[in-house]
Amino acid sequence: MKRKPGEPIYLGGQMLALGLAVVCPVALPQLYHALISPISFEMRVVAGLGIAVVSGILLYRLFAAGARNEP
């Protein structure tokens, strides 16, 4: 598969960060609930949304800074 001109090339670390950003908003509140202390469903949702917002901002900064365009 050939890239189109100007299409960004993403690094492996960026793909790992994207995977973590997808998994962490669901997994971290569930792990906290299972291992540390029971928390309500509403708190899990709020924590998941907060994690998603923060990871989205971090991903934006990571992808914007590290994306290279193919010549």
Protein backbone atom coordinates (compact mmCIF):
# COMPACT_ATOMS: atom_id res chain seq x y z
CA MET A 1 0.00 0.00 0.00
CA LYS A 2 1.47 3.31 -1.05
CA ARG A 3 1.08 6.53 0.95
CA LYS A 4 -0.45 9.55 -0.64
CA PRO A 5 1.77 12.65 -0.92
CA GLY A 6 1.63 14.68 2.28
CA GLU A 7 0.20 11.82 4.36
CA PRO A 8 1.82 11.79 7.82
CA ILE A 9 4.08 8.97 8.96
CA TYR A 10 3.38 7.95 12.54
CA LEU A 11 5.95 6.35 14.83
CA GLY A 12 5.49 3.19 16.88
CA GLY A 13 5.41 5.15 20.14
CA GLN A 14 2.53 7.21 18.84
CA MET A 15 0.56 4.08 17.99
CA LEU A 16 1.23 2.70 21.48
CA ALA A 17 0.02 5.97 23.01
CA LEU A 18 -3.13 5.82 20.89
CA GLY A 19 -3.84 2.28 22.07
CA LEU A 20 -3.36 3.28 25.70
CA ALA A 21 -5.62 6.30 25.21
CA VAL A 22 -8.38 4.00 23.96
CA VAL A 23 -7.99 1.37 26.71
CA CYS A 24 -7.18 3.48 29.80
CA PRO A 25 -10.46 5.43 30.19
CA VAL A 26 -12.29 2.14 30.67
CA ALA A 27 -9.61 -0.01 32.29
CA LEU A 28 -8.23 2.33 34.98
CA PRO A 29 -11.53 3.07 36.77
CA GLN A 30 -12.43 -0.65 36.61
CA LEU A 31 -9.07 -1.66 38.07
CA TYR A 32 -9.43 0.91 40.85
CA HIS A 33 -12.92 -0.42 41.59
CA ALA A 34 -11.74 -4.04 41.63
CA LEU A 35 -8.41 -3.71 43.45
CA ILE A 36 -8.47 -0.68 45.73
CA SER A 37 -11.94 0.45 46.73
CA PRO A 38 -15.47 0.16 45.38
CA ILE A 39 -16.61 3.33 43.61
CA SER A 40 -19.99 4.20 42.15
CA PHE A 41 -20.83 3.87 38.48
CA GLU A 42 -21.13 7.65 38.18
CA MET A 43 -17.63 8.14 39.58
CA ARG A 44 -16.26 5.57 37.13
CA VAL A 45 -17.90 7.45 34.26
CA VAL A 46 -16.55 10.82 35.44
CA ALA A 47 -13.06 9.37 35.92
CA GLY A 48 -13.19 7.75 32.48
CA LEU A 49 -14.25 11.02 30.84
CA GLY A 50 -11.48 12.89 32.63
CA ILE A 51 -8.88 10.35 31.56
CA ALA A 52 -10.20 10.50 27.98
CA VAL A 53 -10.00 14.31 27.85
CA VAL A 54 -6.47 14.40 29.25
CA SER A 55 -5.26 11.60 26.97
CA GLY A 56 -6.89 13.31 23.97
CA ILE A 57 -5.03 16.54 24.68
CA LEU A 58 -1.76 14.65 25.16
CA LEU A 59 -2.29 12.70 21.94
CA TYR A 60 -2.98 15.88 20.02
CA ARG A 61 0.27 17.39 21.25
CA LEU A 62 2.21 14.15 20.60
CA PHE A 63 0.85 13.64 17.09
CA ALA A 64 1.17 17.29 16.08
CA ALA A 65 4.79 17.46 17.23
CA GLY A 66 5.93 14.08 15.90
CA ALA A 67 4.09 13.58 12.63
CA ARG A 68 6.40 13.80 9.64
CA ASN A 69 5.08 14.35 6.15
CA GLU A 70 6.27 12.11 3.37
CA PRO A 71 8.11 14.06 0.67
